[in-house]
Amino acid sequence: MTTSMKRYLARPGLALAVLLMLTGHAAAHTQVGVPGGLASGFLHPLTGLDHLIAMVAVGIWGAQLGMPAIWVLPVTFPLVMAFGGVLGIAGVPLPLPEVFIALSAVVLGAAVALRLRLPFAAAAVVVGIFAIFHGHAHGAELPHAANPLAYGIGFVVATGLLHLCGITIGTLLRWPAGERLIRGLGVAIATLGCIFLFRSLEALA
């Protein structure tokens, strides 16, 4: 492998490592009364590891599936997530939200690790279902923000950038070493998702 190729492979991995270092609690959506507006909304997804890894996985999986999924899946998620946010603001309950959010990391990480080739429509449905739960969890907090609209815009923009990060990592598929790296990331994401899932089920016990 050439030096230039090694540098190219290292960039997405470095970006993901930086994002992971920015994370605080595993579930940022458990915060209550998050203050602020655009900046707070933008930082919110970056401080929740369960949300962050699921968003990156959506972008990677879309890149694996190719056109049109590479762009449609990352667009579908924020749109459906916004619908889930409206449900959260309205106080409409969803069953076991923490469990489904953790499960999203497990399923999406496994899809990346296995390079799961679902039909485009089926992949969109999977992404959309998880998007509702992610959006609902964060939407329930929006009324507590100083500026709910700005907070929501910041959150959606950050989510889109996380998808873009995943798509960038997905471009490594053109090299065998890159494909192995991506599948390894999928395993890591699914493993973290299993940890979050265990904690969520433990909390319910």
N, C-alpha and C. Protein backbone atom coordinates (compact mmCIF):
# COMPACT_ATOMS: atom_id res chain seq x y z
N MET A 1 0.85 -1.20 0.00
CA MET A 1 0.00 0.00 0.00
C MET A 1 0.89 1.24 0.00
N THR A 2 0.60 2.22 -0.86
CA THR A 2 1.41 3.41 -0.95
C THR A 2 1.20 4.32 0.24
N THR A 3 2.16 5.26 0.42
CA THR A 3 2.05 6.21 1.54
C THR A 3 0.83 7.10 1.39
N SER A 4 0.54 7.55 0.17
CA SER A 4 -0.62 8.40 -0.06
C SER A 4 -1.92 7.68 0.25
N MET A 5 -1.99 6.38 -0.09
CA MET A 5 -3.20 5.61 0.19
C MET A 5 -3.38 5.45 1.69
N LYS A 6 -2.26 5.21 2.41
CA LYS A 6 -2.35 5.08 3.86
C LYS A 6 -2.87 6.35 4.48
N ARG A 7 -2.42 7.49 3.97
CA ARG A 7 -2.90 8.77 4.49
C ARG A 7 -4.39 8.94 4.23
N TYR A 8 -4.84 8.52 3.04
CA TYR A 8 -6.26 8.63 2.69
C TYR A 8 -7.10 7.77 3.60
N LEU A 9 -6.62 6.56 3.89
CA LEU A 9 -7.36 5.65 4.76
C LEU A 9 -7.43 6.18 6.18
N ALA A 10 -6.39 6.92 6.57
CA ALA A 10 -6.31 7.37 7.95
C ALA A 10 -7.25 8.54 8.23
N ARG A 11 -7.57 9.35 7.22
CA ARG A 11 -8.36 10.56 7.46
C ARG A 11 -9.74 10.29 8.03
N PRO A 12 -10.57 9.43 7.40
CA PRO A 12 -11.90 9.17 7.98
C PRO A 12 -11.81 8.54 9.36
N GLY A 13 -10.82 7.64 9.55
CA GLY A 13 -10.68 7.02 10.86
C GLY A 13 -10.32 8.05 11.90
N LEU A 14 -9.46 9.02 11.53
CA LEU A 14 -9.08 10.08 12.47
C LEU A 14 -10.29 10.95 12.79
N ALA A 15 -11.09 11.25 11.78
CA ALA A 15 -12.28 12.07 12.01
C ALA A 15 -13.24 11.38 12.97
N LEU A 16 -13.41 10.06 12.78
CA LEU A 16 -14.30 9.31 13.67
C LEU A 16 -13.73 9.29 15.08
N ALA A 17 -12.40 9.14 15.20
CA ALA A 17 -11.78 9.11 16.52
C ALA A 17 -11.99 10.43 17.24
N VAL A 18 -11.87 11.55 16.50
CA VAL A 18 -12.09 12.86 17.12
C VAL A 18 -13.52 13.00 17.60
N LEU A 19 -14.47 12.55 16.78
CA LEU A 19 -15.87 12.61 17.18
C LEU A 19 -16.12 11.79 18.43
N LEU A 20 -15.50 10.61 18.49
CA LEU A 20 -15.69 9.75 19.66
C LEU A 20 -15.11 10.39 20.92
N MET A 21 -13.99 11.11 20.75
CA MET A 21 -13.39 11.76 21.91
C MET A 21 -14.25 12.91 22.41
N LEU A 22 -15.08 13.47 21.53
CA LEU A 22 -15.96 14.56 21.93
C LEU A 22 -17.17 14.08 22.72
N THR A 23 -17.41 12.79 22.72
CA THR A 23 -18.59 12.27 23.37
C THR A 23 -18.44 12.27 24.86
N GLY A 24 -19.57 12.53 25.54
CA GLY A 24 -19.59 12.49 26.98
C GLY A 24 -20.36 11.29 27.44
N HIS A 25 -21.58 11.51 27.88
CA HIS A 25 -22.42 10.40 28.30
C HIS A 25 -22.86 9.60 27.08
N ALA A 26 -23.12 8.33 27.28
CA ALA A 26 -23.49 7.46 26.17
C ALA A 26 -24.83 7.84 25.58
N ALA A 27 -25.68 8.47 26.36
CA ALA A 27 -27.01 8.81 25.87
C ALA A 27 -27.31 10.26 26.19
N ALA A 28 -27.00 11.15 25.26
CA ALA A 28 -27.22 12.57 25.51
C ALA A 28 -28.70 12.90 25.61
N HIS A 29 -29.54 12.04 25.02
CA HIS A 29 -30.97 12.34 25.01
C HIS A 29 -31.61 12.13 26.38
N THR A 30 -30.83 11.74 27.39
CA THR A 30 -31.38 11.63 28.73
C THR A 30 -31.29 12.94 29.48
N GLN A 31 -30.66 13.98 28.86
CA GLN A 31 -30.57 15.27 29.51
C GLN A 31 -31.95 15.89 29.58
N VAL A 32 -32.14 16.75 30.55
CA VAL A 32 -33.42 17.42 30.72
C VAL A 32 -33.19 18.92 30.70
N GLY A 33 -34.04 19.64 29.96
CA GLY A 33 -33.96 21.08 29.97
C GLY A 33 -32.67 21.61 29.39
N VAL A 34 -32.23 21.09 28.25
CA VAL A 34 -30.99 21.55 27.65
C VAL A 34 -31.14 23.00 27.24
N PRO A 35 -30.28 23.91 27.73
CA PRO A 35 -30.43 25.33 27.41
C PRO A 35 -29.83 25.66 26.06
N GLY A 36 -30.11 26.87 25.56
CA GLY A 36 -29.45 27.36 24.37
C GLY A 36 -30.26 27.16 23.11
N GLY A 37 -29.61 27.46 21.98
CA GLY A 37 -30.29 27.38 20.71
C GLY A 37 -29.50 26.60 19.70
N LEU A 38 -29.04 27.28 18.63
CA LEU A 38 -28.40 26.61 17.50
C LEU A 38 -27.15 25.83 17.93
N ALA A 39 -26.28 26.47 18.72
CA ALA A 39 -25.03 25.81 19.13
C ALA A 39 -25.31 24.58 19.99
N SER A 40 -26.24 24.72 20.92
CA SER A 40 -26.57 23.59 21.79
C SER A 40 -27.15 22.43 20.99
N GLY A 41 -28.03 22.76 20.04
CA GLY A 41 -28.61 21.72 19.20
C GLY A 41 -27.57 21.03 18.35
N PHE A 42 -26.60 21.81 17.85
CA PHE A 42 -25.55 21.23 17.01
C PHE A 42 -24.66 20.29 17.81
N LEU A 43 -24.33 20.66 19.04
CA LEU A 43 -23.44 19.85 19.87
C LEU A 43 -24.12 18.63 20.46
N HIS A 44 -25.44 18.68 20.56
CA HIS A 44 -26.17 17.62 21.24
C HIS A 44 -25.91 16.22 20.67
N PRO A 45 -25.98 16.01 19.34
CA PRO A 45 -25.72 14.66 18.80
C PRO A 45 -24.27 14.23 18.99
N LEU A 46 -23.35 15.18 19.08
CA LEU A 46 -21.94 14.86 19.19
C LEU A 46 -21.55 14.43 20.59
N THR A 47 -22.44 14.63 21.55
CA THR A 47 -22.14 14.26 22.93
C THR A 47 -22.90 13.02 23.38
N GLY A 48 -23.54 12.35 22.44
CA GLY A 48 -24.24 11.11 22.75
C GLY A 48 -23.70 9.99 21.86
N LEU A 49 -22.91 9.10 22.43
CA LEU A 49 -22.22 8.08 21.63
C LEU A 49 -23.20 7.16 20.92
N ASP A 50 -24.33 6.82 21.57
CA ASP A 50 -25.29 5.94 20.92
C ASP A 50 -25.88 6.58 19.68
N HIS A 51 -26.16 7.88 19.75
CA HIS A 51 -26.69 8.58 18.58
C HIS A 51 -25.60 8.72 17.51
N LEU A 52 -24.41 9.10 17.94
CA LEU A 52 -23.31 9.37 17.01
C LEU A 52 -22.99 8.15 16.15
N ILE A 53 -22.82 7.00 16.78
CA ILE A 53 -22.41 5.82 16.02
C ILE A 53 -23.52 5.34 15.08
N ALA A 54 -24.78 5.51 15.49
CA ALA A 54 -25.88 5.12 14.61
C ALA A 54 -25.93 6.01 13.38
N MET A 55 -25.69 7.33 13.57
CA MET A 55 -25.72 8.25 12.44
C MET A 55 -24.59 7.96 11.45
N VAL A 56 -23.40 7.71 11.98
CA VAL A 56 -22.28 7.38 11.11
C VAL A 56 -22.56 6.08 10.35
N ALA A 57 -23.15 5.11 11.04
CA ALA A 57 -23.46 3.82 10.41
C ALA A 57 -24.45 3.98 9.26
N VAL A 58 -25.41 4.90 9.40
CA VAL A 58 -26.37 5.14 8.31
C VAL A 58 -25.64 5.59 7.05
N GLY A 59 -24.67 6.52 7.23
CA GLY A 59 -23.91 6.99 6.08
C GLY A 59 -23.06 5.90 5.45
N ILE A 60 -22.41 5.10 6.29
CA ILE A 60 -21.57 4.01 5.76
C ILE A 60 -22.41 2.99 5.02
N TRP A 61 -23.54 2.60 5.61
CA TRP A 61 -24.39 1.59 4.98
C TRP A 61 -24.93 2.11 3.65
N GLY A 62 -25.30 3.38 3.61
CA GLY A 62 -25.76 3.97 2.35
C GLY A 62 -24.68 3.89 1.28
N ALA A 63 -23.43 4.17 1.68
CA ALA A 63 -22.33 4.09 0.72
C ALA A 63 -22.13 2.65 0.24
N GLN A 64 -22.31 1.69 1.13
CA GLN A 64 -22.18 0.28 0.74
C GLN A 64 -23.26 -0.12 -0.25
N LEU A 65 -24.47 0.39 -0.06
CA LEU A 65 -25.58 0.03 -0.95
C LEU A 65 -25.48 0.73 -2.29
N GLY A 66 -24.76 1.84 -2.34
CA GLY A 66 -24.59 2.56 -3.60
C GLY A 66 -25.78 3.45 -3.92
N MET A 67 -25.80 3.95 -5.16
CA MET A 67 -26.87 4.83 -5.59
C MET A 67 -28.18 4.07 -5.72
N PRO A 68 -29.33 4.68 -5.34
CA PRO A 68 -29.46 6.02 -4.77
C PRO A 68 -29.38 6.04 -3.24
N ALA A 69 -29.18 4.87 -2.63
CA ALA A 69 -29.21 4.78 -1.17
C ALA A 69 -28.16 5.65 -0.51
N ILE A 70 -27.02 5.86 -1.17
CA ILE A 70 -25.94 6.62 -0.57
C ILE A 70 -26.38 8.03 -0.17
N TRP A 71 -27.37 8.56 -0.89
CA TRP A 71 -27.88 9.89 -0.55
C TRP A 71 -29.27 9.84 0.05
N VAL A 72 -30.09 8.91 -0.39
CA VAL A 72 -31.48 8.88 0.07
C VAL A 72 -31.59 8.47 1.54
N LEU A 73 -30.80 7.48 1.96
CA LEU A 73 -30.87 7.05 3.36
C LEU A 73 -30.49 8.18 4.33
N PRO A 74 -29.37 8.89 4.08
CA PRO A 74 -29.03 9.99 4.97
C PRO A 74 -30.01 11.16 4.92
N VAL A 75 -30.79 11.26 3.85
CA VAL A 75 -31.83 12.30 3.80
C VAL A 75 -33.09 11.81 4.49
N THR A 76 -33.39 10.51 4.31
CA THR A 76 -34.58 9.93 4.94
C THR A 76 -34.53 10.03 6.45
N PHE A 77 -33.37 9.74 7.01
CA PHE A 77 -33.26 9.71 8.47
C PHE A 77 -33.62 11.05 9.11
N PRO A 78 -33.00 12.19 8.71
CA PRO A 78 -33.37 13.46 9.35
C PRO A 78 -34.83 13.84 9.15
N LEU A 79 -35.38 13.52 7.96
CA LEU A 79 -36.78 13.86 7.70
C LEU A 79 -37.72 13.09 8.62
N VAL A 80 -37.51 11.78 8.71
CA VAL A 80 -38.36 10.97 9.58
C VAL A 80 -38.07 11.29 11.04
N MET A 81 -36.82 11.61 11.34
CA MET A 81 -36.45 11.99 12.70
C MET A 81 -37.21 13.25 13.13
N ALA A 82 -37.39 14.17 12.20
CA ALA A 82 -38.16 15.38 12.50
C ALA A 82 -39.60 15.02 12.87
N PHE A 83 -40.17 14.04 12.17
CA PHE A 83 -41.52 13.58 12.50
C PHE A 83 -41.54 12.99 13.91
N GLY A 84 -40.52 12.19 14.22
CA GLY A 84 -40.43 11.65 15.57
C GLY A 84 -40.28 12.74 16.61
N GLY A 85 -39.55 13.81 16.24
CA GLY A 85 -39.40 14.94 17.15
C GLY A 85 -40.73 15.62 17.45
N VAL A 86 -41.57 15.72 16.43
CA VAL A 86 -42.90 16.31 16.62
C VAL A 86 -43.71 15.46 17.60
N LEU A 87 -43.60 14.14 17.47
CA LEU A 87 -44.30 13.25 18.39
C LEU A 87 -43.80 13.45 19.82
N GLY A 88 -42.48 13.64 19.95
CA GLY A 88 -41.91 13.87 21.27
C GLY A 88 -42.38 15.17 21.88
N ILE A 89 -42.44 16.22 21.08
CA ILE A 89 -42.91 17.52 21.56
C ILE A 89 -44.37 17.43 21.99
N ALA A 90 -45.16 16.66 21.21
CA ALA A 90 -46.58 16.52 21.51
C ALA A 90 -46.84 15.60 22.70
N GLY A 91 -45.80 14.93 23.18
CA GLY A 91 -45.98 14.03 24.32
C GLY A 91 -46.57 12.69 23.95
N VAL A 92 -46.53 12.33 22.66
CA VAL A 92 -47.03 11.03 22.23
C VAL A 92 -46.03 9.96 22.65
N PRO A 93 -46.43 8.98 23.44
CA PRO A 93 -45.47 7.98 23.94
C PRO A 93 -45.10 6.94 22.89
N LEU A 94 -43.87 6.47 22.95
CA LEU A 94 -43.42 5.36 22.12
C LEU A 94 -42.91 4.27 23.05
N PRO A 95 -43.08 3.00 22.67
CA PRO A 95 -42.65 1.91 23.56
C PRO A 95 -41.13 1.74 23.59
N LEU A 96 -40.58 1.64 24.78
CA LEU A 96 -39.16 1.32 24.99
C LEU A 96 -38.22 2.13 24.11
N PRO A 97 -38.26 3.46 24.19
CA PRO A 97 -37.42 4.27 23.30
C PRO A 97 -35.93 4.02 23.46
N GLU A 98 -35.45 3.88 24.71
CA GLU A 98 -34.02 3.66 24.92
C GLU A 98 -33.56 2.33 24.33
N VAL A 99 -34.43 1.34 24.43
CA VAL A 99 -34.10 0.02 23.88
C VAL A 99 -33.98 0.09 22.36
N PHE A 100 -34.91 0.78 21.71
CA PHE A 100 -34.88 0.87 20.25
C PHE A 100 -33.71 1.72 19.77
N ILE A 101 -33.33 2.74 20.53
CA ILE A 101 -32.19 3.55 20.14
C ILE A 101 -30.91 2.72 20.21
N ALA A 102 -30.76 1.95 21.28
CA ALA A 102 -29.60 1.06 21.39
C ALA A 102 -29.64 -0.01 20.29
N LEU A 103 -30.83 -0.53 20.02
CA LEU A 103 -30.98 -1.55 19.00
C LEU A 103 -30.61 -1.03 17.62
N SER A 104 -30.81 0.27 17.40
CA SER A 104 -30.46 0.86 16.10
C SER A 104 -28.97 0.74 15.84
N ALA A 105 -28.15 0.94 16.89
CA ALA A 105 -26.70 0.81 16.72
C ALA A 105 -26.33 -0.64 16.44
N VAL A 106 -27.01 -1.57 17.10
CA VAL A 106 -26.74 -3.00 16.89
C VAL A 106 -27.06 -3.38 15.44
N VAL A 107 -28.25 -3.04 14.99
CA VAL A 107 -28.70 -3.44 13.65
C VAL A 107 -27.90 -2.74 12.55
N LEU A 108 -27.72 -1.43 12.68
CA LEU A 108 -27.00 -0.70 11.64
C LEU A 108 -25.52 -1.09 11.61
N GLY A 109 -24.93 -1.29 12.79
CA GLY A 109 -23.54 -1.75 12.83
C GLY A 109 -23.39 -3.12 12.20
N ALA A 110 -24.33 -4.02 12.48
CA ALA A 110 -24.29 -5.36 11.89
C ALA A 110 -24.48 -5.29 10.38
N ALA A 111 -25.35 -4.39 9.92
CA ALA A 111 -25.57 -4.23 8.48
C ALA A 111 -24.28 -3.81 7.78
N VAL A 112 -23.53 -2.92 8.43
CA VAL A 112 -22.25 -2.47 7.87
C VAL A 112 -21.23 -3.61 7.90
N ALA A 113 -21.14 -4.29 9.05
CA ALA A 113 -20.16 -5.37 9.20
C ALA A 113 -20.39 -6.50 8.20
N LEU A 114 -21.66 -6.80 7.94
CA LEU A 114 -22.01 -7.90 7.03
C LEU A 114 -22.19 -7.43 5.60
N ARG A 115 -22.11 -6.11 5.41
CA ARG A 115 -22.40 -5.49 4.12
C ARG A 115 -23.74 -6.02 3.60
N LEU A 116 -24.75 -5.87 4.42
CA LEU A 116 -26.08 -6.40 4.15
C LEU A 116 -26.70 -5.71 2.94
N ARG A 117 -27.08 -6.48 1.95
CA ARG A 117 -27.62 -5.95 0.70
C ARG A 117 -29.14 -6.06 0.69
N LEU A 118 -29.80 -5.23 1.45
CA LEU A 118 -31.26 -5.19 1.43
C LEU A 118 -31.75 -4.41 0.23
N PRO A 119 -32.96 -4.72 -0.25
CA PRO A 119 -33.57 -3.86 -1.28
C PRO A 119 -33.65 -2.43 -0.76
N PHE A 120 -33.54 -1.49 -1.66
CA PHE A 120 -33.50 -0.08 -1.27
C PHE A 120 -34.68 0.31 -0.38
N ALA A 121 -35.89 -0.10 -0.77
CA ALA A 121 -37.08 0.27 0.00
C ALA A 121 -37.02 -0.31 1.42
N ALA A 122 -36.56 -1.56 1.54
CA ALA A 122 -36.47 -2.19 2.85
C ALA A 122 -35.45 -1.48 3.73
N ALA A 123 -34.31 -1.09 3.14
CA ALA A 123 -33.29 -0.35 3.90
C ALA A 123 -33.83 0.98 4.39
N ALA A 124 -34.62 1.65 3.55
CA ALA A 124 -35.21 2.93 3.94
C ALA A 124 -36.19 2.76 5.09
N VAL A 125 -36.94 1.66 5.08
CA VAL A 125 -37.89 1.39 6.16
C VAL A 125 -37.15 1.15 7.48
N VAL A 126 -36.07 0.38 7.43
CA VAL A 126 -35.28 0.11 8.63
C VAL A 126 -34.74 1.41 9.21
N VAL A 127 -34.14 2.23 8.36
CA VAL A 127 -33.58 3.51 8.79
C VAL A 127 -34.68 4.41 9.33
N GLY A 128 -35.83 4.43 8.66
CA GLY A 128 -36.93 5.29 9.08
C GLY A 128 -37.49 4.92 10.44
N ILE A 129 -37.61 3.62 10.72
CA ILE A 129 -38.14 3.18 12.01
C ILE A 129 -37.25 3.66 13.15
N PHE A 130 -35.95 3.48 12.99
CA PHE A 130 -35.03 3.91 14.03
C PHE A 130 -34.99 5.43 14.14
N ALA A 131 -35.16 6.12 13.01
CA ALA A 131 -35.14 7.58 13.03
C ALA A 131 -36.28 8.13 13.89
N ILE A 132 -37.43 7.48 13.87
CA ILE A 132 -38.56 7.95 14.68
C ILE A 132 -38.19 7.94 16.16
N PHE A 133 -37.53 6.88 16.61
CA PHE A 133 -37.18 6.79 18.03
C PHE A 133 -36.09 7.78 18.41
N HIS A 134 -35.11 7.96 17.54
CA HIS A 134 -34.07 8.96 17.82
C HIS A 134 -34.69 10.35 17.89
N GLY A 135 -35.55 10.66 16.92
CA GLY A 135 -36.18 11.97 16.90
C GLY A 135 -37.10 12.19 18.08
N HIS A 136 -37.84 11.15 18.46
CA HIS A 136 -38.77 11.28 19.58
C HIS A 136 -38.03 11.60 20.87
N ALA A 137 -36.91 10.91 21.10
CA ALA A 137 -36.15 11.12 22.33
C ALA A 137 -35.65 12.55 22.44
N HIS A 138 -35.16 13.10 21.32
CA HIS A 138 -34.66 14.47 21.34
C HIS A 138 -35.79 15.49 21.25
N GLY A 139 -36.82 15.16 20.54
CA GLY A 139 -37.94 16.08 20.41
C GLY A 139 -38.61 16.35 21.73
N ALA A 140 -38.60 15.38 22.63
CA ALA A 140 -39.21 15.57 23.94
C ALA A 140 -38.50 16.65 24.74
N GLU A 141 -37.25 16.97 24.36
CA GLU A 141 -36.49 17.99 25.07
C GLU A 141 -36.62 19.37 24.45
N LEU A 142 -37.03 19.44 23.21
CA LEU A 142 -37.03 20.72 22.51
C LEU A 142 -37.79 21.84 23.22
N PRO A 143 -38.94 21.59 23.83
CA PRO A 143 -39.63 22.70 24.51
C PRO A 143 -38.83 23.30 25.65
N HIS A 144 -37.85 22.59 26.20
CA HIS A 144 -37.07 23.11 27.31
C HIS A 144 -35.93 24.00 26.84
N ALA A 145 -35.61 23.99 25.55
CA ALA A 145 -34.51 24.80 25.05
C ALA A 145 -34.93 26.26 25.00
N ALA A 146 -33.96 27.16 25.10
CA ALA A 146 -34.24 28.59 25.05
C ALA A 146 -34.84 28.97 23.70
N ASN A 147 -34.37 28.34 22.65
CA ASN A 147 -34.88 28.60 21.31
C ASN A 147 -35.12 27.26 20.63
N PRO A 148 -36.30 26.69 20.76
CA PRO A 148 -36.58 25.36 20.23
C PRO A 148 -36.32 25.22 18.73
N LEU A 149 -36.68 26.24 17.94
CA LEU A 149 -36.50 26.14 16.49
C LEU A 149 -35.02 26.09 16.13
N ALA A 150 -34.24 27.00 16.70
CA ALA A 150 -32.81 27.02 16.43
C ALA A 150 -32.14 25.74 16.92
N TYR A 151 -32.58 25.26 18.08
CA TYR A 151 -32.02 24.02 18.63
C TYR A 151 -32.29 22.86 17.67
N GLY A 152 -33.50 22.78 17.16
CA GLY A 152 -33.86 21.71 16.23
C GLY A 152 -33.06 21.77 14.94
N ILE A 153 -32.86 23.00 14.41
CA ILE A 153 -32.08 23.16 13.19
C ILE A 153 -30.64 22.70 13.42
N GLY A 154 -30.07 23.10 14.56
CA GLY A 154 -28.71 22.70 14.88
C GLY A 154 -28.57 21.20 14.99
N PHE A 155 -29.55 20.58 15.60
CA PHE A 155 -29.51 19.13 15.78
C PHE A 155 -29.58 18.40 14.44
N VAL A 156 -30.47 18.84 13.56
CA VAL A 156 -30.62 18.20 12.25
C VAL A 156 -29.36 18.40 11.40
N VAL A 157 -28.76 19.60 11.46
CA VAL A 157 -27.54 19.86 10.70
C VAL A 157 -26.41 18.95 11.19
N ALA A 158 -26.26 18.82 12.50
CA ALA A 158 -25.21 17.96 13.04
C ALA A 158 -25.43 16.50 12.64
N THR A 159 -26.69 16.07 12.65
CA THR A 159 -27.00 14.71 12.23
C THR A 159 -26.62 14.49 10.78
N GLY A 160 -26.92 15.47 9.93
CA GLY A 160 -26.55 15.37 8.52
C GLY A 160 -25.04 15.29 8.33
N LEU A 161 -24.29 16.03 9.13
CA LEU A 161 -22.84 15.99 9.03
C LEU A 161 -22.28 14.64 9.48
N LEU A 162 -22.93 14.03 10.48
CA LEU A 162 -22.52 12.69 10.91
C LEU A 162 -22.77 11.68 9.79
N HIS A 163 -23.90 11.83 9.09
CA HIS A 163 -24.17 10.98 7.93
C HIS A 163 -23.08 11.17 6.88
N LEU A 164 -22.71 12.43 6.64
CA LEU A 164 -21.69 12.74 5.65
C LEU A 164 -20.34 12.12 6.04
N CYS A 165 -20.05 12.13 7.33
CA CYS A 165 -18.83 11.49 7.82
C CYS A 165 -18.86 10.00 7.47
N GLY A 166 -20.02 9.37 7.67
CA GLY A 166 -20.16 7.96 7.34
C GLY A 166 -20.00 7.70 5.85
N ILE A 167 -20.57 8.58 5.03
CA ILE A 167 -20.43 8.43 3.58
C ILE A 167 -18.97 8.55 3.17
N THR A 168 -18.25 9.49 3.78
CA THR A 168 -16.83 9.66 3.48
C THR A 168 -16.05 8.41 3.83
N ILE A 169 -16.34 7.84 4.99
CA ILE A 169 -15.68 6.58 5.37
C ILE A 169 -16.03 5.48 4.36
N GLY A 170 -17.28 5.51 3.87
CA GLY A 170 -17.73 4.50 2.91
C GLY A 170 -16.98 4.52 1.60
N THR A 171 -16.35 5.66 1.27
CA THR A 171 -15.59 5.72 0.01
C THR A 171 -14.37 4.82 0.04
N LEU A 172 -13.97 4.34 1.22
CA LEU A 172 -12.82 3.45 1.34
C LEU A 172 -13.10 2.08 0.72
N LEU A 173 -14.35 1.84 0.34
CA LEU A 173 -14.71 0.54 -0.24
C LEU A 173 -13.94 0.24 -1.52
N ARG A 174 -13.39 1.25 -2.15
CA ARG A 174 -12.69 1.03 -3.42
C ARG A 174 -11.40 0.24 -3.23
N TRP A 175 -10.93 0.13 -1.98
CA TRP A 175 -9.71 -0.62 -1.68
C TRP A 175 -10.03 -1.80 -0.75
N PRO A 176 -9.41 -2.94 -0.97
CA PRO A 176 -9.63 -4.10 -0.08
C PRO A 176 -9.36 -3.78 1.38
N ALA A 177 -8.26 -3.05 1.66
CA ALA A 177 -7.94 -2.70 3.04
C ALA A 177 -9.01 -1.79 3.62
N GLY A 178 -9.56 -0.92 2.79
CA GLY A 178 -10.62 -0.02 3.24
C GLY A 178 -11.88 -0.77 3.59
N GLU A 179 -12.21 -1.78 2.79
CA GLU A 179 -13.40 -2.58 3.07
C GLU A 179 -13.26 -3.33 4.39
N ARG A 180 -12.06 -3.84 4.65
CA ARG A 180 -11.84 -4.53 5.93
C ARG A 180 -11.97 -3.56 7.10
N LEU A 181 -11.46 -2.34 6.92
CA LEU A 181 -11.57 -1.33 7.96
C LEU A 181 -13.03 -0.99 8.24
N ILE A 182 -13.82 -0.84 7.17
CA ILE A 182 -15.23 -0.49 7.32
C ILE A 182 -15.99 -1.60 8.04
N ARG A 183 -15.72 -2.83 7.67
CA ARG A 183 -16.40 -3.94 8.34
C ARG A 183 -15.99 -4.01 9.81
N GLY A 184 -14.74 -3.67 10.10
CA GLY A 184 -14.30 -3.62 11.48
C GLY A 184 -15.02 -2.54 12.26
N LEU A 185 -15.24 -1.39 11.62
CA LEU A 185 -16.02 -0.33 12.27
C LEU A 185 -17.45 -0.78 12.53
N GLY A 186 -18.00 -1.54 11.57
CA GLY A 186 -19.35 -2.07 11.76
C GLY A 186 -19.43 -2.97 12.98
N VAL A 187 -18.43 -3.82 13.14
CA VAL A 187 -18.39 -4.70 14.31
C VAL A 187 -18.29 -3.87 15.59
N ALA A 188 -17.44 -2.83 15.57
CA ALA A 188 -17.29 -1.98 16.75
C ALA A 188 -18.60 -1.27 17.10
N ILE A 189 -19.30 -0.77 16.08
CA ILE A 189 -20.57 -0.08 16.31
C ILE A 189 -21.61 -1.04 16.88
N ALA A 190 -21.69 -2.24 16.30
CA ALA A 190 -22.66 -3.23 16.79
C ALA A 190 -22.33 -3.64 18.22
N THR A 191 -21.04 -3.76 18.54
CA THR A 191 -20.64 -4.15 19.88
C THR A 191 -21.02 -3.08 20.90
N LEU A 192 -20.76 -1.82 20.56
CA LEU A 192 -21.17 -0.73 21.45
C LEU A 192 -22.68 -0.71 21.61
N GLY A 193 -23.38 -0.97 20.50
CA GLY A 193 -24.83 -1.03 20.56
C GLY A 193 -25.32 -2.10 21.51
N CYS A 194 -24.64 -3.25 21.51
CA CYS A 194 -25.01 -4.34 22.43
C CYS A 194 -24.82 -3.90 23.89
N ILE A 195 -23.76 -3.16 24.14
CA ILE A 195 -23.52 -2.65 25.50
C ILE A 195 -24.64 -1.71 25.92
N PHE A 196 -25.00 -0.77 25.02
CA PHE A 196 -26.09 0.15 25.32
C PHE A 196 -27.41 -0.59 25.51
N LEU A 197 -27.63 -1.62 24.68
CA LEU A 197 -28.86 -2.39 24.77
C LEU A 197 -28.94 -3.12 26.11
N PHE A 198 -27.83 -3.71 26.53
CA PHE A 198 -27.79 -4.41 27.82
C PHE A 198 -28.10 -3.44 28.95
N ARG A 199 -27.52 -2.25 28.90
CA ARG A 199 -27.76 -1.26 29.94
C ARG A 199 -29.22 -0.81 29.96
N SER A 200 -29.80 -0.67 28.76
CA SER A 200 -31.20 -0.24 28.68
C SER A 200 -32.12 -1.31 29.25
N LEU A 201 -31.86 -2.57 28.91
CA LEU A 201 -32.69 -3.67 29.44
C LEU A 201 -32.48 -3.82 30.95
N GLU A 202 -31.25 -3.58 31.39
CA GLU A 202 -30.96 -3.68 32.82
C GLU A 202 -31.72 -2.62 33.60
N ALA A 203 -31.82 -1.41 32.99
CA ALA A 203 -32.54 -0.32 33.65
C ALA A 203 -34.04 -0.63 33.77
N LEU A 204 -34.55 -1.43 32.85
CA LEU A 204 -35.98 -1.76 32.87
C LEU A 204 -36.29 -2.86 33.89
N ALA A 205 -35.26 -3.61 34.26
CA ALA A 205 -35.46 -4.75 35.16
C ALA A 205 -35.79 -4.30 36.59
